[in-house]
Amino acid sequence: MMRAIQVTEPGGPEALVWTEVDDPVAEAGMLVVDVDAAGVNYIDTYHRSGLYPVPLPFISGVEGAGSVAEVGEGVEGFAVGDQVAWTGHPGSYAEKARVPARVAVVLPEGASTELGAATMLQGMTAHFLACSTFPLEPGHRCQIHAGAGGVGLLLIQIAKLRGAEVFTTVGTAAKAELAAGAGADHVINYRDEDFGDAVERIAGPRPLDVVYDGVGADTFDRGLDVLRPRGTMATFGNASGPVPPMAPLRLSAGGSLFLTRPTLGDHTATRAELEARANDLFGWIAEGRLDVRIGARFAMSEARAAHEALQGRETTGKVLLIP
């Protein structure tokens, strides 16, 4: 038997229970991994609450890293002892995880398992947003909400690597310092002024090519207001709640705007795409061009406290759980 964080009924952070469960088995196509660190992400809160329904009971957590303990039948490219990281499959808040080989990558030499657990979901999300959803180029202006969060800090850096001008929002002076340190050109404290007013004060009416919005309900509509005609709204998260239903005519009235709700799974659907994004990220990290901030570590048994801190906007960068 091993210990894991299990959810038996949807609910608040109290639904996360540290308990004993059966050890995982390396079935065909699977790896069993001794978990060194699990990433905490907003999608974990959506699974826990039932916003994104998943079959019950389940072990929480879709991102982690550790050492391969067993290799299932038919798996190629992995061996016992390899240090690997993954995202896109539940079961990471545990001492051992059963991971489909198709969602895992072998970590490059010099990359720790904590770095792997801190990079996969948020790093590849930032990568597909800036490189695929709306591929940034020099001269583009983008808005990145929650600039001191895990995705935000990485997305700012990748946007600057691609030559864009970056506007970002934060809620405190300390978070503003982190976002500026990541390279943001314009840091707006949304508690002090309306972010749309601030953007237009800095750059004129409707100056943005794209808004990358992981906040959701609180920021979505105002973000549409500051997009240029034929600009793009990429809404990819619900930190403040899901975006309410909207009539398509809203996009027409805004100037033939584009709206997309992308997900990581659709941008890592092939092995080649998964490896290409991971190689870019770990390559930039090794070259010193991308910094991954681990903002907090919690004991895995304290997953409830980690979720409370994340949803209370008390965290910056990546939050990890350590068995």
C-alpha atoms as a PDB file:
ATOM      1  CA  MET A   1       0.000   0.000   0.000  1.00  0.00           C
ATOM      2  CA  MET A   2       1.046   3.604  -0.611  1.00  0.00           C
ATOM      3  CA  ARG A   3      -0.307   6.959   0.476  1.00  0.00           C
ATOM      4  CA  ALA A   4      -2.012   9.413  -1.840  1.00  0.00           C
ATOM      5  CA  ILE A   5      -4.410  12.355  -1.950  1.00  0.00           C
ATOM      6  CA  GLN A   6      -7.785  10.932  -2.944  1.00  0.00           C
ATOM      7  CA  VAL A   7     -11.094  12.644  -3.769  1.00  0.00           C
ATOM      8  CA  THR A   8     -14.242  10.589  -3.167  1.00  0.00           C
ATOM      9  CA  GLU A   9     -16.794  13.415  -3.494  1.00  0.00           C
ATOM     10  CA  PRO A  10     -16.457  16.807  -5.236  1.00  0.00           C
ATOM     11  CA  GLY A  11     -16.011  19.779  -2.940  1.00  0.00           C
ATOM     12  CA  GLY A  12     -13.657  22.365  -1.518  1.00  0.00           C
ATOM     13  CA  PRO A  13     -10.078  21.782  -0.391  1.00  0.00           C
ATOM     14  CA  GLU A  14     -11.418  19.610   2.432  1.00  0.00           C
ATOM     15  CA  ALA A  15     -12.280  17.005  -0.237  1.00  0.00           C
ATOM     16  CA  LEU A  16      -8.549  16.217  -0.546  1.00  0.00           C
ATOM     17  CA  VAL A  17      -7.880  13.272   1.778  1.00  0.00           C
ATOM     18  CA  TRP A  18      -4.432  11.797   2.535  1.00  0.00           C
ATOM     19  CA  THR A  19      -5.090   8.073   2.690  1.00  0.00           C
ATOM     20  CA  GLU A  20      -3.773   4.600   1.895  1.00  0.00           C
ATOM     21  CA  VAL A  21      -4.491   3.142  -1.542  1.00  0.00           C
ATOM     22  CA  ASP A  22      -3.245   0.162  -3.542  1.00  0.00           C
ATOM     23  CA  ASP A  23       0.099   0.465  -5.265  1.00  0.00           C
ATOM     24  CA  PRO A  24      -0.202   1.135  -9.013  1.00  0.00           C
ATOM     25  CA  VAL A  25       0.612  -1.579 -11.550  1.00  0.00           C
ATOM     26  CA  ALA A  26       2.602  -1.025 -14.748  1.00  0.00           C
ATOM     27  CA  GLU A  27       0.015  -2.149 -17.293  1.00  0.00           C
ATOM     28  CA  ALA A  28       0.708  -2.152 -21.031  1.00  0.00           C
ATOM     29  CA  GLY A  29       1.771   1.283 -22.233  1.00  0.00           C
ATOM     30  CA  MET A  30       2.283   2.524 -18.680  1.00  0.00           C
ATOM     31  CA  LEU A  31       5.099   3.490 -16.351  1.00  0.00           C
ATOM     32  CA  VAL A  32       5.088   3.289 -12.571  1.00  0.00           C
ATOM     33  CA  VAL A  33       7.074   6.192 -11.159  1.00  0.00           C
ATOM     34  CA  ASP A  34       8.336   6.909  -7.649  1.00  0.00           C
ATOM     35  CA  VAL A  35       7.123  10.484  -7.307  1.00  0.00           C
ATOM     36  CA  ASP A  36       9.637  13.095  -6.166  1.00  0.00           C
ATOM     37  CA  ALA A  37       7.351  16.117  -6.716  1.00  0.00           C
ATOM     38  CA  ALA A  38       3.843  16.837  -7.980  1.00  0.00           C
ATOM     39  CA  GLY A  39       2.784  20.114  -9.545  1.00  0.00           C
ATOM     40  CA  VAL A  40      -0.249  21.968  -8.181  1.00  0.00           C
ATOM     41  CA  ASN A  41      -2.378  23.564 -10.897  1.00  0.00           C
ATOM     42  CA  TYR A  42      -5.739  25.275 -11.192  1.00  0.00           C
ATOM     43  CA  ILE A  43      -7.056  22.327 -13.181  1.00  0.00           C
ATOM     44  CA  ASP A  44      -6.616  20.243 -10.021  1.00  0.00           C
ATOM     45  CA  THR A  45      -9.077  22.558  -8.260  1.00  0.00           C
ATOM     46  CA  TYR A  46     -11.542  22.194 -11.148  1.00  0.00           C
ATOM     47  CA  HIS A  47     -11.355  18.390 -10.898  1.00  0.00           C
ATOM     48  CA  ARG A  48     -11.683  18.538  -7.112  1.00  0.00           C
ATOM     49  CA  SER A  49     -14.718  20.848  -7.196  1.00  0.00           C
ATOM     50  CA  GLY A  50     -16.511  19.029  -9.995  1.00  0.00           C
ATOM     51  CA  LEU A  51     -16.301  21.959 -12.440  1.00  0.00           C
ATOM     52  CA  TYR A  52     -14.495  19.504 -14.731  1.00  0.00           C
ATOM     53  CA  PRO A  53     -16.191  16.179 -13.858  1.00  0.00           C
ATOM     54  CA  VAL A  54     -13.991  13.090 -13.552  1.00  0.00           C
ATOM     55  CA  PRO A  55     -14.951   9.561 -12.435  1.00  0.00           C
ATOM     56  CA  LEU A  56     -14.908   9.083  -8.655  1.00  0.00           C
ATOM     57  CA  PRO A  57     -12.930   8.241  -6.636  1.00  0.00           C
ATOM     58  CA  PHE A  58      -9.689   9.570  -8.094  1.00  0.00           C
ATOM     59  CA  ILE A  59      -6.173  10.484  -7.025  1.00  0.00           C
ATOM     60  CA  SER A  60      -5.669  14.186  -7.662  1.00  0.00           C
ATOM     61  CA  GLY A  61      -2.905  15.853  -9.652  1.00  0.00           C
ATOM     62  CA  VAL A  62      -2.096  15.741 -13.368  1.00  0.00           C
ATOM     63  CA  GLU A  63       1.586  16.727 -13.267  1.00  0.00           C
ATOM     64  CA  GLY A  64       4.656  15.305 -11.609  1.00  0.00           C
ATOM     65  CA  ALA A  65       8.170  13.974 -11.867  1.00  0.00           C
ATOM     66  CA  GLY A  66      10.265  11.193 -10.397  1.00  0.00           C
ATOM     67  CA  SER A  67      12.180   7.994 -11.142  1.00  0.00           C
ATOM     68  CA  VAL A  68      10.808   5.128 -13.213  1.00  0.00           C
ATOM     69  CA  ALA A  69      10.259   2.062 -11.020  1.00  0.00           C
ATOM     70  CA  GLU A  70       8.499  -0.226 -13.532  1.00  0.00           C
ATOM     71  CA  VAL A  71       8.016  -0.243 -17.308  1.00  0.00           C
ATOM     72  CA  GLY A  72       4.886  -1.780 -18.803  1.00  0.00           C
ATOM     73  CA  GLU A  73       4.627  -4.035 -21.819  1.00  0.00           C
ATOM     74  CA  GLY A  74       5.126  -2.325 -25.159  1.00  0.00           C
ATOM     75  CA  VAL A  75       6.762   0.791 -23.760  1.00  0.00           C
ATOM     76  CA  GLU A  76       9.799   2.016 -25.666  1.00  0.00           C
ATOM     77  CA  GLY A  77      12.219   4.831 -24.879  1.00  0.00           C
ATOM     78  CA  PHE A  78      12.039   4.474 -21.083  1.00  0.00           C
ATOM     79  CA  ALA A  79      14.008   2.346 -18.627  1.00  0.00           C
ATOM     80  CA  VAL A  80      13.910   1.691 -14.891  1.00  0.00           C
ATOM     81  CA  GLY A  81      15.821   4.470 -13.162  1.00  0.00           C
ATOM     82  CA  ASP A  82      15.109   7.152 -15.772  1.00  0.00           C
ATOM     83  CA  GLN A  83      14.100  10.508 -14.334  1.00  0.00           C
ATOM     84  CA  VAL A  84      10.897  11.565 -16.045  1.00  0.00           C
ATOM     85  CA  ALA A  85       8.251  14.284 -15.930  1.00  0.00           C
ATOM     86  CA  TRP A  86       4.693  14.248 -17.191  1.00  0.00           C
ATOM     87  CA  THR A  87       1.410  16.096 -17.411  1.00  0.00           C
ATOM     88  CA  GLY A  88      -2.073  15.265 -18.645  1.00  0.00           C
ATOM     89  CA  HIS A  89      -2.987  12.221 -16.546  1.00  0.00           C
ATOM     90  CA  PRO A  90      -4.479  12.085 -13.019  1.00  0.00           C
ATOM     91  CA  GLY A  91      -2.793  10.394 -10.091  1.00  0.00           C
ATOM     92  CA  SER A  92       0.258  12.545  -9.359  1.00  0.00           C
ATOM     93  CA  TYR A  93      -0.547  13.472  -5.729  1.00  0.00           C
ATOM     94  CA  ALA A  94       0.839  10.144  -4.561  1.00  0.00           C
ATOM     95  CA  GLU A  95       3.981   8.355  -3.479  1.00  0.00           C
ATOM     96  CA  LYS A  96       3.822   6.343  -6.703  1.00  0.00           C
ATOM     97  CA  ALA A  97       2.059   7.255  -9.955  1.00  0.00           C
ATOM     98  CA  ARG A  98       0.868   5.178 -12.888  1.00  0.00           C
ATOM     99  CA  VAL A  99       1.707   7.299 -15.926  1.00  0.00           C
ATOM    100  CA  PRO A 100       0.980   6.636 -19.609  1.00  0.00           C
ATOM    101  CA  ALA A 101       4.328   6.624 -21.410  1.00  0.00           C
ATOM    102  CA  ARG A 102       2.777   8.794 -24.152  1.00  0.00           C
ATOM    103  CA  VAL A 103       2.522  11.807 -21.772  1.00  0.00           C
ATOM    104  CA  ALA A 104       5.963  11.443 -20.146  1.00  0.00           C
ATOM    105  CA  VAL A 105       9.372  12.726 -21.194  1.00  0.00           C
ATOM    106  CA  VAL A 106      12.835  11.753 -19.988  1.00  0.00           C
ATOM    107  CA  LEU A 107      14.389  14.765 -18.291  1.00  0.00           C
ATOM    108  CA  PRO A 108      17.579  16.097 -19.865  1.00  0.00           C
ATOM    109  CA  GLU A 109      20.850  15.837 -17.969  1.00  0.00           C
ATOM    110  CA  GLY A 110      21.072  18.547 -15.336  1.00  0.00           C
ATOM    111  CA  ALA A 111      17.313  19.028 -14.963  1.00  0.00           C
ATOM    112  CA  SER A 112      16.075  18.056 -11.502  1.00  0.00           C
ATOM    113  CA  THR A 113      12.781  16.283 -10.937  1.00  0.00           C
ATOM    114  CA  GLU A 114      11.506  19.348  -9.055  1.00  0.00           C
ATOM    115  CA  LEU A 115      12.258  21.444 -12.145  1.00  0.00           C
ATOM    116  CA  GLY A 116      10.466  18.853 -14.275  1.00  0.00           C
ATOM    117  CA  ALA A 117       7.363  18.949 -12.094  1.00  0.00           C
ATOM    118  CA  ALA A 118       7.432  22.751 -12.160  1.00  0.00           C
ATOM    119  CA  THR A 119       7.756  23.047 -15.931  1.00  0.00           C
ATOM    120  CA  MET A 120       5.557  20.571 -17.764  1.00  0.00           C
ATOM    121  CA  LEU A 121       1.986  21.881 -17.480  1.00  0.00           C
ATOM    122  CA  GLN A 122       2.518  25.594 -16.992  1.00  0.00           C
ATOM    123  CA  GLY A 123       5.573  25.761 -19.242  1.00  0.00           C
ATOM    124  CA  MET A 124       3.962  23.960 -22.150  1.00  0.00           C
ATOM    125  CA  THR A 125       0.778  25.993 -21.685  1.00  0.00           C
ATOM    126  CA  ALA A 126       2.791  29.197 -21.986  1.00  0.00           C
ATOM    127  CA  HIS A 127       4.607  27.710 -24.967  1.00  0.00           C
ATOM    128  CA  PHE A 128       1.515  26.815 -26.992  1.00  0.00           C
ATOM    129  CA  LEU A 129      -0.182  30.127 -26.193  1.00  0.00           C
ATOM    130  CA  ALA A 130       2.739  32.265 -27.384  1.00  0.00           C
ATOM    131  CA  CYS A 131       3.967  29.980 -30.172  1.00  0.00           C
ATOM    132  CA  SER A 132       0.792  28.362 -31.578  1.00  0.00           C
ATOM    133  CA  THR A 133      -2.509  29.872 -30.392  1.00  0.00           C
ATOM    134  CA  PHE A 134      -1.438  33.388 -31.364  1.00  0.00           C
ATOM    135  CA  PRO A 135       2.186  33.139 -32.511  1.00  0.00           C
ATOM    136  CA  LEU A 136       3.820  36.296 -31.223  1.00  0.00           C
ATOM    137  CA  GLU A 137       6.224  38.255 -33.403  1.00  0.00           C
ATOM    138  CA  PRO A 138       8.188  41.502 -32.956  1.00  0.00           C
ATOM    139  CA  GLY A 139       5.772  44.427 -32.868  1.00  0.00           C
ATOM    140  CA  HIS A 140       2.868  42.507 -31.348  1.00  0.00           C
ATOM    141  CA  ARG A 141       1.271  43.778 -28.160  1.00  0.00           C
ATOM    142  CA  CYS A 142      -0.115  41.201 -25.740  1.00  0.00           C
ATOM    143  CA  GLN A 143      -1.951  41.245 -22.410  1.00  0.00           C
ATOM    144  CA  ILE A 144      -1.065  38.525 -19.897  1.00  0.00           C
ATOM    145  CA  HIS A 145      -3.252  38.325 -16.817  1.00  0.00           C
ATOM    146  CA  ALA A 146      -1.921  37.071 -13.456  1.00  0.00           C
ATOM    147  CA  GLY A 147       1.632  37.929 -14.432  1.00  0.00           C
ATOM    148  CA  ALA A 148       3.188  36.635 -11.201  1.00  0.00           C
ATOM    149  CA  GLY A 149       1.498  33.234 -11.393  1.00  0.00           C
ATOM    150  CA  GLY A 150       3.052  30.057 -12.700  1.00  0.00           C
ATOM    151  CA  VAL A 151       1.878  30.432 -16.300  1.00  0.00           C
ATOM    152  CA  GLY A 152       2.138  34.216 -16.188  1.00  0.00           C
ATOM    153  CA  LEU A 153       5.832  34.412 -15.311  1.00  0.00           C
ATOM    154  CA  LEU A 154       6.727  31.875 -17.998  1.00  0.00           C
ATOM    155  CA  LEU A 155       4.456  33.418 -20.626  1.00  0.00           C
ATOM    156  CA  ILE A 156       5.952  36.873 -20.054  1.00  0.00           C
ATOM    157  CA  GLN A 157       9.433  35.484 -20.632  1.00  0.00           C
ATOM    158  CA  ILE A 158       8.465  33.548 -23.773  1.00  0.00           C
ATOM    159  CA  ALA A 159       6.591  36.568 -25.155  1.00  0.00           C
ATOM    160  CA  LYS A 160       9.749  38.654 -24.716  1.00  0.00           C
ATOM    161  CA  LEU A 161      11.860  35.923 -26.340  1.00  0.00           C
ATOM    162  CA  ARG A 162       9.564  36.292 -29.362  1.00  0.00           C
ATOM    163  CA  GLY A 163       9.880  40.084 -29.431  1.00  0.00           C
ATOM    164  CA  ALA A 164       6.434  41.153 -28.192  1.00  0.00           C
ATOM    165  CA  GLU A 165       5.496  44.139 -26.026  1.00  0.00           C
ATOM    166  CA  VAL A 166       3.947  42.778 -22.824  1.00  0.00           C
ATOM    167  CA  PHE A 167       1.209  44.257 -20.655  1.00  0.00           C
ATOM    168  CA  THR A 168       0.416  42.297 -17.512  1.00  0.00           C
ATOM    169  CA  THR A 169      -1.815  42.492 -14.437  1.00  0.00           C
ATOM    170  CA  VAL A 170      -0.964  41.712 -10.815  1.00  0.00           C
ATOM    171  CA  GLY A 171      -2.590  42.325  -7.445  1.00  0.00           C
ATOM    172  CA  THR A 172       0.266  43.427  -5.161  1.00  0.00           C
ATOM    173  CA  ALA A 173       3.473  45.425  -5.267  1.00  0.00           C
ATOM    174  CA  ALA A 174       5.516  42.279  -4.601  1.00  0.00           C
ATOM    175  CA  LYS A 175       3.881  40.518  -7.536  1.00  0.00           C
ATOM    176  CA  ALA A 176       4.488  43.594  -9.695  1.00  0.00           C
ATOM    177  CA  GLU A 177       8.201  43.314  -8.934  1.00  0.00           C
ATOM    178  CA  LEU A 178       8.238  39.656  -9.995  1.00  0.00           C
ATOM    179  CA  ALA A 179       6.402  40.381 -13.255  1.00  0.00           C
ATOM    180  CA  ALA A 180       8.723  43.251 -14.084  1.00  0.00           C
ATOM    181  CA  GLY A 181      11.701  41.044 -13.309  1.00  0.00           C
ATOM    182  CA  ALA A 182      10.386  38.498 -15.811  1.00  0.00           C
ATOM    183  CA  GLY A 183      10.511  41.195 -18.481  1.00  0.00           C
ATOM    184  CA  ALA A 184       7.005  42.692 -18.636  1.00  0.00           C
ATOM    185  CA  ASP A 185       7.043  46.140 -20.251  1.00  0.00           C
ATOM    186  CA  HIS A 186       3.927  47.443 -18.472  1.00  0.00           C
ATOM    187  CA  VAL A 187       2.791  46.080 -15.089  1.00  0.00           C
ATOM    188  CA  ILE A 188      -0.714  47.079 -13.986  1.00  0.00           C
ATOM    189  CA  ASN A 189      -2.015  46.596 -10.445  1.00  0.00           C
ATOM    190  CA  TYR A 190      -5.663  45.773 -11.037  1.00  0.00           C
ATOM    191  CA  ARG A 191      -6.497  46.797  -7.456  1.00  0.00           C
ATOM    192  CA  ASP A 192      -5.401  50.371  -8.194  1.00  0.00           C
ATOM    193  CA  GLU A 193      -7.021  50.934 -11.588  1.00  0.00           C
ATOM    194  CA  ASP A 194      -9.074  49.266 -14.281  1.00  0.00           C
ATOM    195  CA  PHE A 195      -6.621  47.331 -16.427  1.00  0.00           C
ATOM    196  CA  GLY A 196      -8.369  48.318 -19.657  1.00  0.00           C
ATOM    197  CA  ASP A 197      -8.119  52.006 -18.781  1.00  0.00           C
ATOM    198  CA  ALA A 198      -4.437  51.536 -17.958  1.00  0.00           C
ATOM    199  CA  VAL A 199      -3.694  49.741 -21.234  1.00  0.00           C
ATOM    200  CA  GLU A 200      -5.363  52.491 -23.281  1.00  0.00           C
ATOM    201  CA  ARG A 201      -3.694  55.228 -21.256  1.00  0.00           C
ATOM    202  CA  ILE A 202      -0.318  53.699 -22.108  1.00  0.00           C
ATOM    203  CA  ALA A 203      -0.857  52.666 -25.724  1.00  0.00           C
ATOM    204  CA  GLY A 204      -4.001  54.379 -27.045  1.00  0.00           C
ATOM    205  CA  PRO A 205      -7.439  53.016 -27.961  1.00  0.00           C
ATOM    206  CA  ARG A 206      -7.758  49.265 -28.472  1.00  0.00           C
ATOM    207  CA  PRO A 207      -4.036  48.576 -28.906  1.00  0.00           C
ATOM    208  CA  LEU A 208      -3.753  44.848 -28.189  1.00  0.00           C
ATOM    209  CA  ASP A 209      -3.225  42.086 -30.725  1.00  0.00           C
ATOM    210  CA  VAL A 210      -3.996  39.318 -28.232  1.00  0.00           C
ATOM    211  CA  VAL A 211      -5.167  38.810 -24.656  1.00  0.00           C
ATOM    212  CA  TYR A 212      -4.016  35.641 -22.867  1.00  0.00           C
ATOM    213  CA  ASP A 213      -6.569  35.251 -20.078  1.00  0.00           C
ATOM    214  CA  GLY A 214      -6.289  32.546 -17.433  1.00  0.00           C
ATOM    215  CA  VAL A 215      -8.446  34.467 -14.925  1.00  0.00           C
ATOM    216  CA  GLY A 216     -11.816  34.091 -16.623  1.00  0.00           C
ATOM    217  CA  ALA A 217     -15.008  35.736 -15.427  1.00  0.00           C
ATOM    218  CA  ASP A 218     -13.488  38.864 -13.848  1.00  0.00           C
ATOM    219  CA  THR A 219     -11.355  39.897 -16.836  1.00  0.00           C
ATOM    220  CA  PHE A 220     -12.834  38.380 -19.988  1.00  0.00           C
ATOM    221  CA  ASP A 221     -15.315  41.034 -21.105  1.00  0.00           C
ATOM    222  CA  ARG A 222     -13.036  43.994 -20.406  1.00  0.00           C
ATOM    223  CA  GLY A 223     -10.283  42.212 -22.303  1.00  0.00           C
ATOM    224  CA  LEU A 224     -12.422  42.149 -25.438  1.00  0.00           C
ATOM    225  CA  ASP A 225     -12.752  45.936 -25.178  1.00  0.00           C
ATOM    226  CA  VAL A 226      -9.020  46.584 -25.619  1.00  0.00           C
ATOM    227  CA  LEU A 227      -8.396  44.252 -28.557  1.00  0.00           C
ATOM    228  CA  ARG A 228      -7.762  45.765 -31.966  1.00  0.00           C
ATOM    229  CA  PRO A 229     -10.161  44.831 -34.777  1.00  0.00           C
ATOM    230  CA  ARG A 230      -9.516  41.175 -35.691  1.00  0.00           C
ATOM    231  CA  GLY A 231      -7.600  40.729 -32.434  1.00  0.00           C
ATOM    232  CA  THR A 232      -7.592  37.442 -30.525  1.00  0.00           C
ATOM    233  CA  MET A 233      -8.928  36.519 -27.095  1.00  0.00           C
ATOM    234  CA  ALA A 234      -7.309  33.311 -25.821  1.00  0.00           C
ATOM    235  CA  THR A 235      -9.163  32.367 -22.633  1.00  0.00           C
ATOM    236  CA  PHE A 236      -7.488  29.357 -21.046  1.00  0.00           C
ATOM    237  CA  GLY A 237      -8.456  29.316 -17.356  1.00  0.00           C
ATOM    238  CA  ASN A 238     -11.145  30.009 -14.777  1.00  0.00           C
ATOM    239  CA  ALA A 239      -9.279  31.290 -11.715  1.00  0.00           C
ATOM    240  CA  SER A 240     -12.113  33.754 -10.946  1.00  0.00           C
ATOM    241  CA  GLY A 241     -14.822  31.455 -12.268  1.00  0.00           C
ATOM    242  CA  PRO A 242     -15.910  30.328 -15.744  1.00  0.00           C
ATOM    243  CA  VAL A 243     -16.747  32.919 -18.400  1.00  0.00           C
ATOM    244  CA  PRO A 244     -20.541  33.353 -18.770  1.00  0.00           C
ATOM    245  CA  PRO A 245     -22.191  32.416 -22.080  1.00  0.00           C
ATOM    246  CA  MET A 246     -21.753  35.096 -24.734  1.00  0.00           C
ATOM    247  CA  ALA A 247     -23.530  35.917 -27.994  1.00  0.00           C
ATOM    248  CA  PRO A 248     -21.276  35.655 -31.066  1.00  0.00           C
ATOM    249  CA  LEU A 249     -22.460  39.132 -32.077  1.00  0.00           C
ATOM    250  CA  ARG A 250     -20.245  40.478 -29.278  1.00  0.00           C
ATOM    251  CA  LEU A 251     -17.259  39.490 -31.405  1.00  0.00           C
ATOM    252  CA  SER A 252     -18.701  41.158 -34.467  1.00  0.00           C
ATOM    253  CA  ALA A 253     -19.393  44.377 -32.586  1.00  0.00           C
ATOM    254  CA  GLY A 254     -15.801  44.374 -31.337  1.00  0.00           C
ATOM    255  CA  GLY A 255     -14.403  44.320 -34.869  1.00  0.00           C
ATOM    256  CA  SER A 256     -14.474  40.720 -36.114  1.00  0.00           C
ATOM    257  CA  LEU A 257     -12.631  39.470 -33.029  1.00  0.00           C
ATOM    258  CA  PHE A 258     -11.331  35.913 -32.715  1.00  0.00           C
ATOM    259  CA  LEU A 259     -12.130  33.862 -29.606  1.00  0.00           C
ATOM    260  CA  THR A 260     -10.495  30.564 -28.677  1.00  0.00           C
ATOM    261  CA  ARG A 261     -10.517  28.296 -25.615  1.00  0.00           C
ATOM    262  CA  PRO A 262      -7.367  26.188 -26.148  1.00  0.00           C
ATOM    263  CA  THR A 263      -6.215  23.251 -24.029  1.00  0.00           C
ATOM    264  CA  LEU A 264      -2.795  21.681 -23.557  1.00  0.00           C
ATOM    265  CA  GLY A 265      -3.965  18.228 -24.597  1.00  0.00           C
ATOM    266  CA  ASP A 266      -4.824  19.448 -28.072  1.00  0.00           C
ATOM    267  CA  HIS A 267      -1.378  21.055 -28.387  1.00  0.00           C
ATOM    268  CA  THR A 268       0.534  17.923 -27.300  1.00  0.00           C
ATOM    269  CA  ALA A 269      -1.644  15.440 -29.172  1.00  0.00           C
ATOM    270  CA  THR A 270       1.302  13.800 -30.940  1.00  0.00           C
ATOM    271  CA  ARG A 271       4.552  12.525 -29.510  1.00  0.00           C
ATOM    272  CA  ALA A 272       6.486  14.836 -31.825  1.00  0.00           C
ATOM    273  CA  GLU A 273       4.643  17.919 -30.591  1.00  0.00           C
ATOM    274  CA  LEU A 274       5.022  16.974 -26.912  1.00  0.00           C
ATOM    275  CA  GLU A 275       8.760  16.440 -27.310  1.00  0.00           C
ATOM    276  CA  ALA A 276       9.240  19.599 -29.382  1.00  0.00           C
ATOM    277  CA  ARG A 277       7.610  21.795 -26.740  1.00  0.00           C
ATOM    278  CA  ALA A 278       9.485  20.080 -23.890  1.00  0.00           C
ATOM    279  CA  ASN A 279      12.788  20.362 -25.773  1.00  0.00           C
ATOM    280  CA  ASP A 280      12.246  24.092 -26.346  1.00  0.00           C
ATOM    281  CA  LEU A 281      11.463  24.702 -22.684  1.00  0.00           C
ATOM    282  CA  PHE A 282      14.299  22.683 -21.168  1.00  0.00           C
ATOM    283  CA  GLY A 283      16.669  24.056 -23.797  1.00  0.00           C
ATOM    284  CA  TRP A 284      15.789  27.655 -22.896  1.00  0.00           C
ATOM    285  CA  ILE A 285      16.181  26.814 -19.205  1.00  0.00           C
ATOM    286  CA  ALA A 286      19.631  25.265 -19.770  1.00  0.00           C
ATOM    287  CA  GLU A 287      20.684  28.334 -21.780  1.00  0.00           C
ATOM    288  CA  GLY A 288      19.556  30.689 -19.012  1.00  0.00           C
ATOM    289  CA  ARG A 289      16.866  32.257 -21.202  1.00  0.00           C
ATOM    290  CA  LEU A 290      13.903  30.964 -19.182  1.00  0.00           C
ATOM    291  CA  ASP A 291      13.648  30.990 -15.393  1.00  0.00           C
ATOM    292  CA  VAL A 292      11.195  28.678 -13.635  1.00  0.00           C
ATOM    293  CA  ARG A 293      10.246  30.053 -10.230  1.00  0.00           C
ATOM    294  CA  ILE A 294       9.245  27.520  -7.569  1.00  0.00           C
ATOM    295  CA  GLY A 295       7.278  29.741  -5.238  1.00  0.00           C
ATOM    296  CA  ALA A 296       6.187  27.230  -2.598  1.00  0.00           C
ATOM    297  CA  ARG A 297       6.665  23.645  -1.518  1.00  0.00           C
ATOM    298  CA  PHE A 298       4.156  21.782   0.649  1.00  0.00           C
ATOM    299  CA  ALA A 299       4.275  18.280   2.083  1.00  0.00           C
ATOM    300  CA  MET A 300       1.985  16.155  -0.069  1.00  0.00           C
ATOM    301  CA  SER A 301      -0.165  15.426   2.974  1.00  0.00           C
ATOM    302  CA  GLU A 302      -0.832  19.194   3.098  1.00  0.00           C
ATOM    303  CA  ALA A 303      -2.450  19.359  -0.348  1.00  0.00           C
ATOM    304  CA  ARG A 304      -5.488  21.052   1.178  1.00  0.00           C
ATOM    305  CA  ALA A 305      -3.341  23.973   2.369  1.00  0.00           C
ATOM    306  CA  ALA A 306      -1.690  24.172  -1.061  1.00  0.00           C
ATOM    307  CA  HIS A 307      -5.084  24.461  -2.779  1.00  0.00           C
ATOM    308  CA  GLU A 308      -6.229  27.089  -0.284  1.00  0.00           C
ATOM    309  CA  ALA A 309      -3.094  29.146  -0.928  1.00  0.00           C
ATOM    310  CA  LEU A 310      -3.417  28.824  -4.710  1.00  0.00           C
ATOM    311  CA  GLN A 311      -7.075  29.790  -4.817  1.00  0.00           C
ATOM    312  CA  GLY A 312      -6.521  32.557  -2.287  1.00  0.00           C
ATOM    313  CA  ARG A 313      -4.000  34.133  -4.696  1.00  0.00           C
ATOM    314  CA  GLU A 314      -1.318  33.830  -2.035  1.00  0.00           C
ATOM    315  CA  THR A 315       1.204  32.081  -4.292  1.00  0.00           C
ATOM    316  CA  THR A 316       3.625  33.124  -7.012  1.00  0.00           C
ATOM    317  CA  GLY A 317       5.306  30.917  -9.576  1.00  0.00           C
ATOM    318  CA  LYS A 318       4.965  27.161  -9.179  1.00  0.00           C
ATOM    319  CA  VAL A 319       3.540  25.296  -6.180  1.00  0.00           C
ATOM    320  CA  LEU A 320       4.877  21.777  -5.570  1.00  0.00           C
ATOM    321  CA  LEU A 321       3.828  18.899  -3.334  1.00  0.00           C
ATOM    322  CA  ILE A 322       6.642  16.741  -1.969  1.00  0.00           C
ATOM    323  CA  PRO A 323       5.878  13.180  -0.747  1.00  0.00           C
END
